[in-house]
Structure formats: structure tokens, C-alpha cells
PDB file of N, CA and C in Angstrom:
ATOM      1  N   MET A   1      -2.621 -10.026   4.264  1.00  0.00           N
ATOM      2  CA  MET A   1      -3.728  -9.199   5.028  1.00  0.00           C
ATOM      3  C   MET A   1      -4.927  -9.170   4.204  1.00  0.00           C
ATOM      4  N   LYS A   2      -5.929  -9.112   4.906  1.00  0.00           N
ATOM      5  CA  LYS A   2      -7.399  -9.077   4.187  1.00  0.00           C
ATOM      6  C   LYS A   2      -8.112  -7.757   4.659  1.00  0.00           C
ATOM      7  N   ILE A   3      -8.547  -6.980   3.839  1.00  0.00           N
ATOM      8  CA  ILE A   3      -9.103  -5.598   3.925  1.00  0.00           C
ATOM      9  C   ILE A   3     -10.566  -5.672   3.618  1.00  0.00           C
ATOM     10  N   ALA A   4     -11.472  -5.217   4.586  1.00  0.00           N
ATOM     11  CA  ALA A   4     -12.919  -5.363   4.412  1.00  0.00           C
ATOM     12  C   ALA A   4     -13.377  -3.921   4.009  1.00  0.00           C
ATOM     13  N   ILE A   5     -14.120  -3.674   2.969  1.00  0.00           N
ATOM     14  CA  ILE A   5     -14.580  -2.465   2.604  1.00  0.00           C
ATOM     15  C   ILE A   5     -16.188  -2.620   2.121  1.00  0.00           C
ATOM     16  N   PRO A   6     -16.973  -1.788   3.078  1.00  0.00           N
ATOM     17  CA  PRO A   6     -18.380  -1.891   2.745  1.00  0.00           C
ATOM     18  C   PRO A   6     -18.734  -1.268   1.317  1.00  0.00           C
ATOM     19  N   ILE A   7     -19.534  -1.917   0.522  1.00  0.00           N
ATOM     20  CA  ILE A   7     -19.798  -1.565  -0.802  1.00  0.00           C
ATOM     21  C   ILE A   7     -21.282  -1.390  -1.182  1.00  0.00           C
ATOM     22  N   ILE A   8     -21.684  -0.286  -1.947  1.00  0.00           N
ATOM     23  CA  ILE A   8     -22.983  -0.051  -2.484  1.00  0.00           C
ATOM     24  C   ILE A   8     -22.618   0.364  -3.864  1.00  0.00           C
ATOM     25  N   ASN A   9     -23.395  -0.179  -4.851  1.00  0.00           N
ATOM     26  CA  ASN A   9     -23.240   0.227  -6.424  1.00  0.00           C
ATOM     27  C   ASN A   9     -21.793   0.167  -6.706  1.00  0.00           C
ATOM     28  N   GLY A  10     -21.015  -0.790  -6.340  1.00  0.00           N
ATOM     29  CA  GLY A  10     -19.614  -0.920  -6.875  1.00  0.00           C
ATOM     30  C   GLY A  10     -18.562  -0.147  -6.116  1.00  0.00           C
ATOM     31  N   LYS A  11     -18.973   0.779  -5.214  1.00  0.00           N
ATOM     32  CA  LYS A  11     -18.100   1.691  -4.552  1.00  0.00           C
ATOM     33  C   LYS A  11     -18.331   1.743  -3.019  1.00  0.00           C
ATOM     34  N   LEU A  12     -17.287   2.328  -2.363  1.00  0.00           N
ATOM     35  CA  LEU A  12     -17.427   2.332  -0.874  1.00  0.00           C
ATOM     36  C   LEU A  12     -18.651   2.942  -0.455  1.00  0.00           C
ATOM     37  N   CYS A  13     -19.437   2.417   0.464  1.00  0.00           N
ATOM     38  CA  CYS A  13     -20.533   2.849   1.049  1.00  0.00           C
ATOM     39  C   CYS A  13     -20.176   3.747   2.257  1.00  0.00           C
ATOM     40  N   MET A  14     -20.840   4.977   2.323  1.00  0.00           N
ATOM     41  CA  MET A  14     -20.201   5.733   3.379  1.00  0.00           C
ATOM     42  C   MET A  14     -20.535   5.497   4.720  1.00  0.00           C
ATOM     43  N   HIS A  15     -21.548   4.598   4.914  1.00  0.00           N
ATOM     44  CA  HIS A  15     -21.784   4.110   6.309  1.00  0.00           C
ATOM     45  C   HIS A  15     -21.900   2.675   6.171  1.00  0.00           C
ATOM     46  N   PHE A  16     -20.879   1.915   6.942  1.00  0.00           N
ATOM     47  CA  PHE A  16     -20.752   0.434   6.658  1.00  0.00           C
ATOM     48  C   PHE A  16     -21.945  -0.329   6.959  1.00  0.00           C
ATOM     49  N   GLY A  17     -22.678   0.000   7.958  1.00  0.00           N
ATOM     50  CA  GLY A  17     -23.895  -0.572   8.308  1.00  0.00           C
ATOM     51  C   GLY A  17     -25.084  -0.388   7.385  1.00  0.00           C
ATOM     52  N   HIS A  18     -24.921   0.187   6.223  1.00  0.00           N
ATOM     53  CA  HIS A  18     -25.970   0.277   5.200  1.00  0.00           C
ATOM     54  C   HIS A  18     -25.575  -0.382   3.834  1.00  0.00           C
ATOM     55  N   CYS A  19     -24.493  -0.948   3.907  1.00  0.00           N
ATOM     56  CA  CYS A  19     -23.912  -1.423   2.695  1.00  0.00           C
ATOM     57  C   CYS A  19     -24.669  -2.776   2.033  1.00  0.00           C
ATOM     58  N   GLU A  20     -24.565  -2.951   0.810  1.00  0.00           N
ATOM     59  CA  GLU A  20     -25.124  -4.117   0.037  1.00  0.00           C
ATOM     60  C   GLU A  20     -24.252  -5.347   0.237  1.00  0.00           C
ATOM     61  N   GLN A  21     -22.962  -4.898   0.187  1.00  0.00           N
ATOM     62  CA  GLN A  21     -21.815  -6.105   0.212  1.00  0.00           C
ATOM     63  C   GLN A  21     -20.576  -5.574   0.979  1.00  0.00           C
ATOM     64  N   PHE A  22     -19.884  -6.530   1.292  1.00  0.00           N
ATOM     65  CA  PHE A  22     -18.372  -6.237   1.689  1.00  0.00           C
ATOM     66  C   PHE A  22     -17.463  -6.793   0.681  1.00  0.00           C
ATOM     67  N   ALA A  23     -16.385  -5.992   0.252  1.00  0.00           N
ATOM     68  CA  ALA A  23     -15.473  -6.476  -0.613  1.00  0.00           C
ATOM     69  C   ALA A  23     -14.364  -6.817   0.451  1.00  0.00           C
ATOM     70  N   LEU A  24     -13.937  -8.131   0.242  1.00  0.00           N
ATOM     71  CA  LEU A  24     -12.845  -8.597   1.024  1.00  0.00           C
ATOM     72  C   LEU A  24     -11.595  -8.820   0.130  1.00  0.00           C
ATOM     73  N   VAL A  25     -10.606  -7.767   0.303  1.00  0.00           N
ATOM     74  CA  VAL A  25      -9.460  -7.727  -0.596  1.00  0.00           C
ATOM     75  C   VAL A  25      -8.216  -8.269   0.131  1.00  0.00           C
ATOM     76  N   GLU A  26      -7.693  -9.306  -0.538  1.00  0.00           N
ATOM     77  CA  GLU A  26      -6.513  -9.881  -0.079  1.00  0.00           C
ATOM     78  C   GLU A  26      -5.332  -9.215  -0.629  1.00  0.00           C
ATOM     79  N   ALA A  27      -4.395  -8.749   0.330  1.00  0.00           N
ATOM     80  CA  ALA A  27      -3.437  -7.952  -0.156  1.00  0.00           C
ATOM     81  C   ALA A  27      -2.095  -8.301   0.329  1.00  0.00           C
ATOM     82  N   ASP A  28      -0.991  -8.123  -0.321  1.00  0.00           N
ATOM     83  CA  ASP A  28       0.428  -8.408   0.152  1.00  0.00           C
ATOM     84  C   ASP A  28       0.938  -7.047   0.576  1.00  0.00           C
ATOM     85  N   GLU A  29       1.153  -6.859   1.895  1.00  0.00           N
ATOM     86  CA  GLU A  29       1.581  -5.540   2.338  1.00  0.00           C
ATOM     87  C   GLU A  29       2.754  -5.152   1.901  1.00  0.00           C
ATOM     88  N   THR A  30       3.754  -6.208   1.882  1.00  0.00           N
ATOM     89  CA  THR A  30       5.110  -6.028   1.525  1.00  0.00           C
ATOM     90  C   THR A  30       5.300  -5.745   0.008  1.00  0.00           C
ATOM     91  N   ALA A  31       4.643  -6.533  -0.872  1.00  0.00           N
ATOM     92  CA  ALA A  31       4.817  -6.226  -2.311  1.00  0.00           C
ATOM     93  C   ALA A  31       3.931  -5.271  -2.650  1.00  0.00           C
ATOM     94  N   LYS A  32       2.989  -4.828  -1.711  1.00  0.00           N
ATOM     95  CA  LYS A  32       1.934  -3.800  -2.081  1.00  0.00           C
ATOM     96  C   LYS A  32       1.059  -4.223  -3.463  1.00  0.00           C
ATOM     97  N   THR A  33       0.597  -5.455  -3.278  1.00  0.00           N
ATOM     98  CA  THR A  33      -0.114  -5.932  -4.538  1.00  0.00           C
ATOM     99  C   THR A  33      -1.504  -6.523  -3.911  1.00  0.00           C
ATOM    100  N   ILE A  34      -2.391  -6.540  -4.830  1.00  0.00           N
ATOM    101  CA  ILE A  34      -3.828  -7.213  -4.558  1.00  0.00           C
ATOM    102  C   ILE A  34      -3.849  -8.648  -5.148  1.00  0.00           C
ATOM    103  N   SER A  35      -4.043  -9.591  -4.373  1.00  0.00           N
ATOM    104  CA  SER A  35      -4.162 -11.033  -4.931  1.00  0.00           C
ATOM    105  C   SER A  35      -5.402 -11.582  -5.252  1.00  0.00           C
ATOM    106  N   ALA A  36      -6.492 -10.963  -4.463  1.00  0.00           N
ATOM    107  CA  ALA A  36      -7.803 -11.488  -4.761  1.00  0.00           C
ATOM    108  C   ALA A  36      -8.800 -10.531  -4.123  1.00  0.00           C
ATOM    109  N   THR A  37     -10.061 -10.409  -4.679  1.00  0.00           N
ATOM    110  CA  THR A  37     -11.177  -9.679  -4.189  1.00  0.00           C
ATOM    111  C   THR A  37     -12.384 -10.423  -4.202  1.00  0.00           C
ATOM    112  N   GLU A  38     -13.116 -10.620  -3.003  1.00  0.00           N
ATOM    113  CA  GLU A  38     -14.223 -11.361  -2.962  1.00  0.00           C
ATOM    114  C   GLU A  38     -15.244 -10.471  -2.334  1.00  0.00           C
ATOM    115  N   PHE A  39     -16.563 -10.726  -2.918  1.00  0.00           N
ATOM    116  CA  PHE A  39     -17.671  -9.798  -2.628  1.00  0.00           C
ATOM    117  C   PHE A  39     -18.717 -10.788  -1.781  1.00  0.00           C
ATOM    118  N   LEU A  40     -18.999 -10.372  -0.518  1.00  0.00           N
ATOM    119  CA  LEU A  40     -19.818 -11.109   0.284  1.00  0.00           C
ATOM    120  C   LEU A  40     -21.058 -10.199   0.756  1.00  0.00           C
ATOM    121  N   THR A  41     -22.178 -10.953   0.803  1.00  0.00           N
ATOM    122  CA  THR A  41     -23.470 -10.378   1.412  1.00  0.00           C
ATOM    123  C   THR A  41     -23.335 -10.523   2.883  1.00  0.00           C
ATOM    124  N   PRO A  42     -23.389  -9.429   3.657  1.00  0.00           N
ATOM    125  CA  PRO A  42     -23.292  -9.414   5.133  1.00  0.00           C
ATOM    126  C   PRO A  42     -24.501 -10.055   5.737  1.00  0.00           C
ATOM    127  N   PRO A  43     -24.539 -10.492   7.106  1.00  0.00           N
ATOM    128  CA  PRO A  43     -25.711 -10.722   7.594  1.00  0.00           C
ATOM    129  C   PRO A  43     -26.422  -9.390   8.030  1.00  0.00           C
ATOM    130  N   ALA A  44     -27.643  -9.676   8.551  1.00  0.00           N
ATOM    131  CA  ALA A  44     -28.455  -8.366   8.906  1.00  0.00           C
ATOM    132  C   ALA A  44     -27.722  -7.547   9.915  1.00  0.00           C
ATOM    133  N   HIS A  45     -27.840  -6.147   9.775  1.00  0.00           N
ATOM    134  CA  HIS A  45     -27.107  -5.317  10.557  1.00  0.00           C
ATOM    135  C   HIS A  45     -27.727  -5.051  11.934  1.00  0.00           C
ATOM    136  N   GLU A  46     -26.949  -5.699  12.880  1.00  0.00           N
ATOM    137  CA  GLU A  46     -27.397  -5.431  14.304  1.00  0.00           C
ATOM    138  C   GLU A  46     -26.136  -5.207  15.080  1.00  0.00           C
ATOM    139  N   PRO A  47     -26.181  -4.594  16.161  1.00  0.00           N
ATOM    140  CA  PRO A  47     -24.973  -4.128  17.014  1.00  0.00           C
ATOM    141  C   PRO A  47     -24.113  -5.454  17.183  1.00  0.00           C
ATOM    142  N   GLY A  48     -22.902  -5.433  16.802  1.00  0.00           N
ATOM    143  CA  GLY A  48     -21.901  -6.263  17.190  1.00  0.00           C
ATOM    144  C   GLY A  48     -21.817  -7.490  16.202  1.00  0.00           C
ATOM    145  N   VAL A  49     -22.779  -7.559  15.289  1.00  0.00           N
ATOM    146  CA  VAL A  49     -22.820  -8.725  14.305  1.00  0.00           C
ATOM    147  C   VAL A  49     -21.550  -8.596  13.185  1.00  0.00           C
ATOM    148  N   LEU A  50     -21.500  -7.369  12.545  1.00  0.00           N
ATOM    149  CA  LEU A  50     -20.634  -7.310  11.505  1.00  0.00           C
ATOM    150  C   LEU A  50     -19.127  -7.319  12.045  1.00  0.00           C
ATOM    151  N   PRO A  51     -18.619  -6.787  12.974  1.00  0.00           N
ATOM    152  CA  PRO A  51     -17.319  -6.953  13.600  1.00  0.00           C
ATOM    153  C   PRO A  51     -16.963  -8.447  13.764  1.00  0.00           C
ATOM    154  N   ARG A  52     -17.893  -9.085  14.281  1.00  0.00           N
ATOM    155  CA  ARG A  52     -17.564 -10.566  14.496  1.00  0.00           C
ATOM    156  C   ARG A  52     -17.644 -11.450  13.175  1.00  0.00           C
ATOM    157  N   TRP A  53     -18.608 -11.104  12.297  1.00  0.00           N
ATOM    158  CA  TRP A  53     -18.637 -11.756  11.100  1.00  0.00           C
ATOM    159  C   TRP A  53     -17.382 -11.479  10.081  1.00  0.00           C
ATOM    160  N   LEU A  54     -17.008 -10.203  10.171  1.00  0.00           N
ATOM    161  CA  LEU A  54     -15.753  -9.840   9.418  1.00  0.00           C
ATOM    162  C   LEU A  54     -14.515 -10.544   9.876  1.00  0.00           C
ATOM    163  N   HIS A  55     -14.493 -10.614  11.382  1.00  0.00           N
ATOM    164  CA  HIS A  55     -13.350 -11.423  12.022  1.00  0.00           C
ATOM    165  C   HIS A  55     -13.288 -12.835  11.454  1.00  0.00           C
ATOM    166  N   GLU A  56     -14.376 -13.482  11.506  1.00  0.00           N
ATOM    167  CA  GLU A  56     -14.701 -14.781  11.014  1.00  0.00           C
ATOM    168  C   GLU A  56     -14.188 -15.059   9.529  1.00  0.00           C
ATOM    169  N   GLN A  57     -14.334 -13.990   8.781  1.00  0.00           N
ATOM    170  CA  GLN A  57     -13.955 -13.935   7.415  1.00  0.00           C
ATOM    171  C   GLN A  57     -12.470 -13.613   7.288  1.00  0.00           C
ATOM    172  N   GLY A  58     -11.763 -13.325   8.361  1.00  0.00           N
ATOM    173  CA  GLY A  58     -10.315 -13.235   8.196  1.00  0.00           C
ATOM    174  C   GLY A  58      -9.777 -11.734   7.981  1.00  0.00           C
ATOM    175  N   ALA A  59     -10.792 -10.817   8.196  1.00  0.00           N
ATOM    176  CA  ALA A  59     -10.379  -9.374   7.948  1.00  0.00           C
ATOM    177  C   ALA A  59      -9.509  -8.934   9.053  1.00  0.00           C
ATOM    178  N   ASN A  60      -8.490  -8.093   8.658  1.00  0.00           N
ATOM    179  CA  ASN A  60      -7.413  -7.578   9.514  1.00  0.00           C
ATOM    180  C   ASN A  60      -7.690  -5.933   9.651  1.00  0.00           C
ATOM    181  N   VAL A  61      -8.293  -5.339   8.641  1.00  0.00           N
ATOM    182  CA  VAL A  61      -8.451  -4.018   8.484  1.00  0.00           C
ATOM    183  C   VAL A  61      -9.840  -3.707   7.856  1.00  0.00           C
ATOM    184  N   ILE A  62     -10.637  -2.781   8.334  1.00  0.00           N
ATOM    185  CA  ILE A  62     -11.828  -2.251   7.699  1.00  0.00           C
ATOM    186  C   ILE A  62     -11.636  -0.738   7.206  1.00  0.00           C
ATOM    187  N   ILE A  63     -11.878  -0.454   6.113  1.00  0.00           N
ATOM    188  CA  ILE A  63     -11.680   0.936   5.564  1.00  0.00           C
ATOM    189  C   ILE A  63     -13.239   1.429   5.332  1.00  0.00           C
ATOM    190  N   ALA A  64     -13.701   2.369   5.920  1.00  0.00           N
ATOM    191  CA  ALA A  64     -15.080   2.988   5.784  1.00  0.00           C
ATOM    192  C   ALA A  64     -15.108   4.386   5.667  1.00  0.00           C
ATOM    193  N   GLY A  65     -16.160   4.727   5.073  1.00  0.00           N
ATOM    194  CA  GLY A  65     -16.511   6.386   5.151  1.00  0.00           C
ATOM    195  C   GLY A  65     -16.821   6.726   6.382  1.00  0.00           C
ATOM    196  N   GLY A  66     -17.665   6.050   7.188  1.00  0.00           N
ATOM    197  CA  GLY A  66     -18.244   6.534   8.438  1.00  0.00           C
ATOM    198  C   GLY A  66     -18.630   5.351   9.263  1.00  0.00           C
ATOM    199  N   MET A  67     -18.376   5.452  10.658  1.00  0.00           N
ATOM    200  CA  MET A  67     -18.599   4.468  11.606  1.00  0.00           C
ATOM    201  C   MET A  67     -18.811   5.048  12.919  1.00  0.00           C
ATOM    202  N   GLY A  68     -19.807   4.642  13.764  1.00  0.00           N
ATOM    203  CA  GLY A  68     -19.905   4.996  15.034  1.00  0.00           C
ATOM    204  C   GLY A  68     -18.875   4.569  15.946  1.00  0.00           C
ATOM    205  N   GLN A  69     -18.692   5.212  17.098  1.00  0.00           N
ATOM    206  CA  GLN A  69     -17.614   4.885  18.061  1.00  0.00           C
ATOM    207  C   GLN A  69     -17.941   3.451  18.696  1.00  0.00           C
ATOM    208  N   ARG A  70     -18.948   3.109  18.968  1.00  0.00           N
ATOM    209  CA  ARG A  70     -19.226   1.768  19.361  1.00  0.00           C
ATOM    210  C   ARG A  70     -18.781   0.673  18.378  1.00  0.00           C
ATOM    211  N   ALA A  71     -19.067   0.894  17.216  1.00  0.00           N
ATOM    212  CA  ALA A  71     -18.679  -0.128  16.158  1.00  0.00           C
ATOM    213  C   ALA A  71     -17.244  -0.040  16.090  1.00  0.00           C
ATOM    214  N   GLN A  72     -16.563   1.029  16.044  1.00  0.00           N
ATOM    215  CA  GLN A  72     -15.164   1.091  15.981  1.00  0.00           C
ATOM    216  C   GLN A  72     -14.481   0.376  17.269  1.00  0.00           C
ATOM    217  N   GLY A  73     -14.985   0.393  18.428  1.00  0.00           N
ATOM    218  CA  GLY A  73     -14.621  -0.302  19.496  1.00  0.00           C
ATOM    219  C   GLY A  73     -14.740  -1.749  19.313  1.00  0.00           C
ATOM    220  N   LEU A  74     -16.034  -2.130  18.781  1.00  0.00           N
ATOM    221  CA  LEU A  74     -16.163  -3.620  18.574  1.00  0.00           C
ATOM    222  C   LEU A  74     -15.081  -4.218  17.495  1.00  0.00           C
ATOM    223  N   PHE A  75     -14.839  -3.488  16.394  1.00  0.00           N
ATOM    224  CA  PHE A  75     -14.101  -4.032  15.578  1.00  0.00           C
ATOM    225  C   PHE A  75     -12.392  -4.082  16.091  1.00  0.00           C
ATOM    226  N   THR A  76     -12.101  -3.056  16.864  1.00  0.00           N
ATOM    227  CA  THR A  76     -10.875  -3.110  17.587  1.00  0.00           C
ATOM    228  C   THR A  76     -10.831  -4.350  18.597  1.00  0.00           C
ATOM    229  N   GLN A  77     -11.873  -4.626  19.210  1.00  0.00           N
ATOM    230  CA  GLN A  77     -11.905  -5.808  20.142  1.00  0.00           C
ATOM    231  C   GLN A  77     -11.677  -7.202  19.322  1.00  0.00           C
ATOM    232  N   ASN A  78     -12.183  -7.086  18.176  1.00  0.00           N
ATOM    233  CA  ASN A  78     -12.066  -8.358  17.256  1.00  0.00           C
ATOM    234  C   ASN A  78     -10.774  -8.318  16.327  1.00  0.00           C
ATOM    235  N   GLY A  79      -9.831  -7.465  16.636  1.00  0.00           N
ATOM    236  CA  GLY A  79      -8.483  -7.511  16.106  1.00  0.00           C
ATOM    237  C   GLY A  79      -8.593  -6.957  14.605  1.00  0.00           C
ATOM    238  N   ILE A  80      -9.419  -5.930  14.395  1.00  0.00           N
ATOM    239  CA  ILE A  80      -9.562  -5.405  13.070  1.00  0.00           C
ATOM    240  C   ILE A  80      -9.223  -3.887  13.317  1.00  0.00           C
ATOM    241  N   ALA A  81      -8.396  -3.427  12.627  1.00  0.00           N
ATOM    242  CA  ALA A  81      -7.878  -2.016  12.560  1.00  0.00           C
ATOM    243  C   ALA A  81      -8.997  -1.295  11.737  1.00  0.00           C
ATOM    244  N   VAL A  82      -9.202  -0.070  12.319  1.00  0.00           N
ATOM    245  CA  VAL A  82     -10.414   0.767  11.563  1.00  0.00           C
ATOM    246  C   VAL A  82      -9.757   2.000  10.979  1.00  0.00           C
ATOM    247  N   ILE A  83     -10.106   2.325   9.828  1.00  0.00           N
ATOM    248  CA  ILE A  83      -9.932   3.513   9.065  1.00  0.00           C
ATOM    249  C   ILE A  83     -11.065   4.018   8.614  1.00  0.00           C
ATOM    250  N   VAL A  84     -11.401   5.380   8.980  1.00  0.00           N
ATOM    251  CA  VAL A  84     -12.670   6.005   8.558  1.00  0.00           C
ATOM    252  C   VAL A  84     -12.340   7.154   7.826  1.00  0.00           C
ATOM    253  N   GLY A  85     -13.361   7.802   7.077  1.00  0.00           N
ATOM    254  CA  GLY A  85     -13.248   9.015   6.169  1.00  0.00           C
ATOM    255  C   GLY A  85     -12.698   8.685   4.857  1.00  0.00           C
ATOM    256  N   ALA A  86     -12.729   7.457   4.510  1.00  0.00           N
ATOM    257  CA  ALA A  86     -12.217   7.106   3.122  1.00  0.00           C
ATOM    258  C   ALA A  86     -13.258   7.764   2.013  1.00  0.00           C
ATOM    259  N   PRO A  87     -12.692   7.859   0.858  1.00  0.00           N
ATOM    260  CA  PRO A  87     -13.591   8.382  -0.283  1.00  0.00           C
ATOM    261  C   PRO A  87     -14.335   7.291  -0.864  1.00  0.00           C
ATOM    262  N   ALA A  88     -15.685   7.677  -1.351  1.00  0.00           N
ATOM    263  CA  ALA A  88     -16.364   6.729  -2.124  1.00  0.00           C
ATOM    264  C   ALA A  88     -15.775   6.273  -3.579  1.00  0.00           C
ATOM    265  N   ASP A  89     -14.854   5.287  -3.464  1.00  0.00           N
ATOM    266  CA  ASP A  89     -14.162   4.907  -4.702  1.00  0.00           C
ATOM    267  C   ASP A  89     -14.366   3.345  -4.670  1.00  0.00           C
ATOM    268  N   THR A  90     -13.716   2.745  -5.732  1.00  0.00           N
ATOM    269  CA  THR A  90     -13.563   1.366  -5.931  1.00  0.00           C
ATOM    270  C   THR A  90     -12.822   0.648  -4.966  1.00  0.00           C
ATOM    271  N   PRO A  91     -13.168  -0.635  -4.568  1.00  0.00           N
ATOM    272  CA  PRO A  91     -12.389  -1.245  -3.643  1.00  0.00           C
ATOM    273  C   PRO A  91     -10.872  -1.352  -3.842  1.00  0.00           C
ATOM    274  N   GLU A  92     -10.591  -1.721  -5.218  1.00  0.00           N
ATOM    275  CA  GLU A  92      -9.143  -1.872  -5.577  1.00  0.00           C
ATOM    276  C   GLU A  92      -8.493  -0.517  -5.583  1.00  0.00           C
ATOM    277  N   ASP A  93      -9.177   0.540  -5.916  1.00  0.00           N
ATOM    278  CA  ASP A  93      -8.530   1.859  -5.892  1.00  0.00           C
ATOM    279  C   ASP A  93      -8.142   2.224  -4.441  1.00  0.00           C
ATOM    280  N   ILE A  94      -9.041   1.918  -3.531  1.00  0.00           N
ATOM    281  CA  ILE A  94      -8.978   2.142  -2.128  1.00  0.00           C
ATOM    282  C   ILE A  94      -7.825   1.417  -1.471  1.00  0.00           C
ATOM    283  N   VAL A  95      -7.860   0.158  -1.805  1.00  0.00           N
ATOM    284  CA  VAL A  95      -6.611  -0.753  -1.193  1.00  0.00           C
ATOM    285  C   VAL A  95      -5.429  -0.368  -1.809  1.00  0.00           C
ATOM    286  N   THR A  96      -5.245  -0.108  -3.149  1.00  0.00           N
ATOM    287  CA  THR A  96      -4.070   0.281  -3.701  1.00  0.00           C
ATOM    288  C   THR A  96      -3.581   1.457  -3.071  1.00  0.00           C
ATOM    289  N   ALA A  97      -4.285   2.501  -2.740  1.00  0.00           N
ATOM    290  CA  ALA A  97      -3.859   3.690  -2.138  1.00  0.00           C
ATOM    291  C   ALA A  97      -3.567   3.482  -0.616  1.00  0.00           C
ATOM    292  N   TYR A  98      -4.190   2.697  -0.055  1.00  0.00           N
ATOM    293  CA  TYR A  98      -3.892   2.344   1.378  1.00  0.00           C
ATOM    294  C   TYR A  98      -2.520   1.692   1.420  1.00  0.00           C
ATOM    295  N   LEU A  99      -2.259   0.691   0.572  1.00  0.00           N
ATOM    296  CA  LEU A  99      -0.978   0.059   0.535  1.00  0.00           C
ATOM    297  C   LEU A  99       0.096   1.037   0.011  1.00  0.00           C
ATOM    298  N   ALA A 100      -0.116   1.973  -0.752  1.00  0.00           N
ATOM    299  CA  ALA A 100       0.962   2.949  -1.140  1.00  0.00           C
ATOM    300  C   ALA A 100       1.151   4.098  -0.126  1.00  0.00           C
ATOM    301  N   GLY A 101       0.273   4.002   0.868  1.00  0.00           N
ATOM    302  CA  GLY A 101       0.317   5.141   1.837  1.00  0.00           C
ATOM    303  C   GLY A 101      -0.287   6.379   1.496  1.00  0.00           C
ATOM    304  N   THR A 102      -1.148   6.362   0.499  1.00  0.00           N
ATOM    305  CA  THR A 102      -1.670   7.711  -0.082  1.00  0.00           C
ATOM    306  C   THR A 102      -3.092   7.803   0.074  1.00  0.00           C
ATOM    307  N   LEU A 103      -3.777   6.797   0.807  1.00  0.00           N
ATOM    308  CA  LEU A 103      -5.130   6.861   1.192  1.00  0.00           C
ATOM    309  C   LEU A 103      -5.482   8.200   1.856  1.00  0.00           C
ATOM    310  N   GLU A 104      -6.393   8.990   1.299  1.00  0.00           N
ATOM    311  CA  GLU A 104      -6.792  10.199   2.033  1.00  0.00           C
ATOM    312  C   GLU A 104      -7.960   9.840   2.964  1.00  0.00           C
ATOM    313  N   ALA A 105      -7.689   9.648   4.157  1.00  0.00           N
ATOM    314  CA  ALA A 105      -8.739   9.193   5.144  1.00  0.00           C
ATOM    315  C   ALA A 105      -9.086  10.477   5.773  1.00  0.00           C
ATOM    316  N   GLY A 106     -10.361  10.917   5.825  1.00  0.00           N
ATOM    317  CA  GLY A 106     -10.688  12.419   6.267  1.00  0.00           C
ATOM    318  C   GLY A 106     -11.641  12.238   7.346  1.00  0.00           C
ATOM    319  N   GLN A 107     -12.559  13.085   7.490  1.00  0.00           N
ATOM    320  CA  GLN A 107     -13.591  13.095   8.617  1.00  0.00           C
ATOM    321  C   GLN A 107     -14.375  11.894   8.618  1.00  0.00           C
ATOM    322  N   ASN A 108     -14.667  11.359   9.799  1.00  0.00           N
ATOM    323  CA  ASN A 108     -15.707  10.289   9.926  1.00  0.00           C
ATOM    324  C   ASN A 108     -16.935  10.839   9.535  1.00  0.00           C
ATOM    325  N   VAL A 109     -17.741  10.249   8.623  1.00  0.00           N
ATOM    326  CA  VAL A 109     -19.002  10.820   8.210  1.00  0.00           C
ATOM    327  C   VAL A 109     -20.090  10.245   9.056  1.00  0.00           C
ATOM    328  N   CYS A 110     -19.865   9.687  10.059  1.00  0.00           N
ATOM    329  CA  CYS A 110     -20.929   9.129  11.031  1.00  0.00           C
ATOM    330  C   CYS A 110     -20.688   9.780  12.494  1.00  0.00           C
ATOM    331  N   ASP A 111     -21.829  10.239  13.022  1.00  0.00           N
ATOM    332  CA  ASP A 111     -21.700  10.895  14.114  1.00  0.00           C
ATOM    333  C   ASP A 111     -22.346  10.251  15.433  1.00  0.00           C
ATOM    334  N   HIS A 112     -22.561   8.963  15.293  1.00  0.00           N
ATOM    335  CA  HIS A 112     -23.051   8.212  16.418  1.00  0.00           C
ATOM    336  C   HIS A 112     -22.178   6.987  16.807  1.00  0.00           C
TER     337      HIS A 112
END
């Protein structure tokens, strides 16, 4: 599986559309291990661009602090599961917690 995480200053960006990069973390869901992390600069943020681009990068899941309802729908249409309300932590810590089933996803910090 490949998990996308919006990043700013090395940690999760609370709003995916304002991130500097995306960490694409390859993980083995069965072994609960991370095999690789790649940092990519996304294209300009416009409606519909990031879900399609992340789908093209092979992402299956996106973990974000906040995301609007329209964006969540576009990710779902592109076959990418959406998790919002994640803490501002490093990509590796977030994915490790996700794989262990201990990721504390809280309130969606985006209201549009």
C-alpha cells in the first residue's frame, strides 16, 4: 500500500492543499512495516488536481489534518481512502500508528 501525507516543515500539514510536499510512504499492511518514503512536490493546488495526481503516484490512502468535503469525494472517486484529523507528526510516525491501528484521527480541521 502507498500512503500519501501532506507535509510542511517535515511534519503533517494540517490542510493538504497548503502543503509543500507529499510524503508517499510505501508500507506492508500485513507485516506492518514501512519499506520506503518518497517526498514529491505536488502540482499547483486547483480543485481536482491533487486527487488525480496522487492516484497517478499510486496512493491508496491519504492521511490529512483537514480536508473539505468536495476534496474527500474526489479522493474517494480516485480510489483513495481518506483519513482526516491526524496529528501534526512525522510521516513515519503517522504511518506506523496507522498500521498499528493506534492513529488518533480526530476532528476534521477543515470546514469547507
